[in-house]
C-alpha atoms as a PDB file:
ATOM      1  CA  UNK A   1     -38.222  24.958 -17.599  1.00  0.00           C
ATOM      2  CA  UNK A   2     -38.979  23.415 -20.977  1.00  0.00           C
ATOM      3  CA  UNK A   3     -41.291  20.598 -21.905  1.00  0.00           C
ATOM      4  CA  UNK A   4     -40.740  18.145 -24.716  1.00  0.00           C
ATOM      5  CA  UNK A   5     -43.232  19.882 -26.999  1.00  0.00           C
ATOM      6  CA  UNK A   6     -41.480  23.228 -26.481  1.00  0.00           C
ATOM      7  CA  UNK A   7     -38.130  21.656 -27.356  1.00  0.00           C
ATOM      8  CA  UNK A   8     -39.624  20.104 -30.487  1.00  0.00           C
ATOM      9  CA  UNK A   9     -40.987  23.510 -31.482  1.00  0.00           C
ATOM     10  CA  UNK A  10     -37.592  25.126 -30.886  1.00  0.00           C
ATOM     11  CA  UNK A  11     -35.739  22.657 -33.092  1.00  0.00           C
ATOM     12  CA  UNK A  12     -38.376  23.045 -35.795  1.00  0.00           C
ATOM     13  CA  UNK A  13     -37.871  26.823 -35.713  1.00  0.00           C
ATOM     14  CA  UNK A  14     -34.084  26.517 -35.845  1.00  0.00           C
ATOM     15  CA  UNK A  15     -34.141  24.116 -38.792  1.00  0.00           C
ATOM     16  CA  UNK A  16     -37.001  25.907 -40.591  1.00  0.00           C
ATOM     17  CA  UNK A  17     -39.103  22.745 -40.531  1.00  0.00           C
ATOM     18  CA  UNK A  18     -42.813  23.397 -40.880  1.00  0.00           C
ATOM     19  CA  UNK A  19     -44.367  20.077 -39.923  1.00  0.00           C
ATOM     20  CA  UNK A  20     -43.901  17.221 -37.523  1.00  0.00           C
ATOM     21  CA  UNK A  21     -43.798  14.899 -40.522  1.00  0.00           C
ATOM     22  CA  UNK A  22     -40.590  16.546 -41.788  1.00  0.00           C
ATOM     23  CA  UNK A  23     -39.074  16.287 -38.319  1.00  0.00           C
ATOM     24  CA  UNK A  24     -39.984  12.608 -38.186  1.00  0.00           C
ATOM     25  CA  UNK A  25     -38.167  12.112 -41.478  1.00  0.00           C
ATOM     26  CA  UNK A  26     -35.092  13.838 -40.054  1.00  0.00           C
ATOM     27  CA  UNK A  27     -35.119  11.621 -36.968  1.00  0.00           C
ATOM     28  CA  UNK A  28     -36.181   8.549 -39.017  1.00  0.00           C
ATOM     29  CA  UNK A  29     -39.185   7.640 -36.881  1.00  0.00           C
ATOM     30  CA  UNK A  30     -42.904   7.379 -37.544  1.00  0.00           C
ATOM     31  CA  UNK A  31     -44.898  10.639 -37.407  1.00  0.00           C
ATOM     32  CA  UNK A  32     -47.030   9.219 -34.606  1.00  0.00           C
ATOM     33  CA  UNK A  33     -43.925   9.056 -32.416  1.00  0.00           C
ATOM     34  CA  UNK A  34     -43.506  12.828 -32.665  1.00  0.00           C
ATOM     35  CA  UNK A  35     -47.073  13.368 -31.461  1.00  0.00           C
ATOM     36  CA  UNK A  36     -46.456  10.937 -28.586  1.00  0.00           C
ATOM     37  CA  UNK A  37     -43.317  12.878 -27.636  1.00  0.00           C
ATOM     38  CA  UNK A  38     -45.382  16.080 -27.692  1.00  0.00           C
ATOM     39  CA  UNK A  39     -48.035  14.651 -25.366  1.00  0.00           C
ATOM     40  CA  UNK A  40     -45.415  13.256 -22.934  1.00  0.00           C
ATOM     41  CA  UNK A  41     -46.533   9.701 -23.529  1.00  0.00           C
ATOM     42  CA  UNK A  42     -42.985   8.767 -24.546  1.00  0.00           C
ATOM     43  CA  UNK A  43     -39.692  10.237 -23.429  1.00  0.00           C
ATOM     44  CA  UNK A  44     -37.331  11.716 -25.967  1.00  0.00           C
ATOM     45  CA  UNK A  45     -34.451   9.338 -26.727  1.00  0.00           C
ATOM     46  CA  UNK A  46     -30.913  10.449 -25.968  1.00  0.00           C
ATOM     47  CA  UNK A  47     -29.941  10.837 -29.623  1.00  0.00           C
ATOM     48  CA  UNK A  48     -32.851  13.262 -30.173  1.00  0.00           C
ATOM     49  CA  UNK A  49     -31.865  15.251 -27.086  1.00  0.00           C
ATOM     50  CA  UNK A  50     -28.301  15.415 -28.418  1.00  0.00           C
ATOM     51  CA  UNK A  51     -29.616  16.669 -31.769  1.00  0.00           C
ATOM     52  CA  UNK A  52     -31.731  19.319 -30.045  1.00  0.00           C
ATOM     53  CA  UNK A  53     -28.814  20.417 -27.851  1.00  0.00           C
ATOM     54  CA  UNK A  54     -26.544  20.785 -30.882  1.00  0.00           C
ATOM     55  CA  UNK A  55     -29.087  22.898 -32.752  1.00  0.00           C
ATOM     56  CA  UNK A  56     -30.173  25.064 -29.816  1.00  0.00           C
ATOM     57  CA  UNK A  57     -26.749  25.397 -28.205  1.00  0.00           C
ATOM     58  CA  UNK A  58     -27.629  24.124 -24.730  1.00  0.00           C
ATOM     59  CA  UNK A  59     -25.823  21.300 -22.927  1.00  0.00           C
ATOM     60  CA  UNK A  60     -27.572  17.928 -23.271  1.00  0.00           C
ATOM     61  CA  UNK A  61     -27.392  17.169 -19.546  1.00  0.00           C
ATOM     62  CA  UNK A  62     -29.084  20.437 -18.678  1.00  0.00           C
ATOM     63  CA  UNK A  63     -31.839  19.605 -21.175  1.00  0.00           C
ATOM     64  CA  UNK A  64     -32.370  16.237 -19.507  1.00  0.00           C
ATOM     65  CA  UNK A  65     -32.466  17.915 -16.109  1.00  0.00           C
ATOM     66  CA  UNK A  66     -35.031  20.458 -17.337  1.00  0.00           C
ATOM     67  CA  UNK A  67     -37.216  17.725 -18.802  1.00  0.00           C
ATOM     68  CA  UNK A  68     -37.118  15.699 -15.596  1.00  0.00           C
ATOM     69  CA  UNK A  69     -37.954  18.652 -13.379  1.00  0.00           C
ATOM     70  CA  UNK A  70     -40.832  19.619 -15.684  1.00  0.00           C
ATOM     71  CA  UNK A  71     -42.129  16.039 -15.617  1.00  0.00           C
ATOM     72  CA  UNK A  72     -41.982  15.879 -11.821  1.00  0.00           C
ATOM     73  CA  UNK A  73     -43.671  19.220 -11.288  1.00  0.00           C
ATOM     74  CA  UNK A  74     -46.428  18.099 -13.629  1.00  0.00           C
ATOM     75  CA  UNK A  75     -46.917  15.030 -11.421  1.00  0.00           C
ATOM     76  CA  UNK A  76     -46.869  17.227  -8.274  1.00  0.00           C
ATOM     77  CA  UNK A  77     -43.744  15.555  -6.915  1.00  0.00           C
ATOM     78  CA  UNK A  78     -40.661  17.102  -5.387  1.00  0.00           C
ATOM     79  CA  UNK A  79     -38.015  17.718  -8.043  1.00  0.00           C
ATOM     80  CA  UNK A  80     -35.148  17.348  -5.579  1.00  0.00           C
ATOM     81  CA  UNK A  81     -35.868  13.622  -5.233  1.00  0.00           C
ATOM     82  CA  UNK A  82     -34.668  12.909  -8.751  1.00  0.00           C
ATOM     83  CA  UNK A  83     -31.776  15.358  -8.608  1.00  0.00           C
ATOM     84  CA  UNK A  84     -30.287  14.098  -5.352  1.00  0.00           C
ATOM     85  CA  UNK A  85     -30.289  10.323  -4.994  1.00  0.00           C
ATOM     86  CA  UNK A  86     -30.481   8.895  -1.498  1.00  0.00           C
ATOM     87  CA  UNK A  87     -30.364   5.203  -0.679  1.00  0.00           C
ATOM     88  CA  UNK A  88     -33.491   3.577   0.620  1.00  0.00           C
ATOM     89  CA  UNK A  89     -33.165   3.268   4.374  1.00  0.00           C
ATOM     90  CA  UNK A  90     -35.946   0.720   4.737  1.00  0.00           C
ATOM     91  CA  UNK A  91     -34.179  -2.007   2.781  1.00  0.00           C
ATOM     92  CA  UNK A  92     -32.831  -4.812   4.957  1.00  0.00           C
ATOM     93  CA  UNK A  93     -29.120  -5.092   4.266  1.00  0.00           C
ATOM     94  CA  UNK A  94     -28.320  -8.047   6.470  1.00  0.00           C
ATOM     95  CA  UNK A  95     -30.155 -11.326   6.898  1.00  0.00           C
ATOM     96  CA  UNK A  96     -32.395 -11.628   9.946  1.00  0.00           C
ATOM     97  CA  UNK A  97     -30.950 -13.514  12.920  1.00  0.00           C
ATOM     98  CA  UNK A  98     -33.148 -16.570  12.454  1.00  0.00           C
ATOM     99  CA  UNK A  99     -31.475 -17.299   9.102  1.00  0.00           C
ATOM    100  CA  UNK A 100     -28.138 -17.960  10.787  1.00  0.00           C
ATOM    101  CA  UNK A 101     -29.585 -20.653  13.041  1.00  0.00           C
ATOM    102  CA  UNK A 102     -29.315 -24.021  11.407  1.00  0.00           C
ATOM    103  CA  UNK A 103     -32.410 -26.141  11.014  1.00  0.00           C
ATOM    104  CA  UNK A 104     -34.718 -23.399  12.181  1.00  0.00           C
ATOM    105  CA  UNK A 105     -37.713 -24.711  10.298  1.00  0.00           C
ATOM    106  CA  UNK A 106     -36.826 -28.359  10.355  1.00  0.00           C
ATOM    107  CA  UNK A 107     -36.475 -29.733  13.837  1.00  0.00           C
ATOM    108  CA  UNK A 108     -35.629 -33.257  14.775  1.00  0.00           C
ATOM    109  CA  UNK A 109     -38.351 -35.157  16.511  1.00  0.00           C
END
């Protein structure tokens, strides 16, 4: 399980980049964005995940899955909830019966 800061460190090691500033120039973002990615305040965009997956040699979808499971375990939530989507059973799918009756609220006097 990898966090965003670990992935940033891995790509810096692969590309022999010494600072976050040089990485921000490669990705063409502000250096403060890199520190926000490290602290998990912002999520890594898809194009950065694709760049990391190309350099490291791991599939991009598996990287996204690892990041999401790490984020959920940090929040003390069950990781299977994001991996397996289930529809919400509490949502009303059909209108209530009183909607079908005409002039329910407006009665003739």
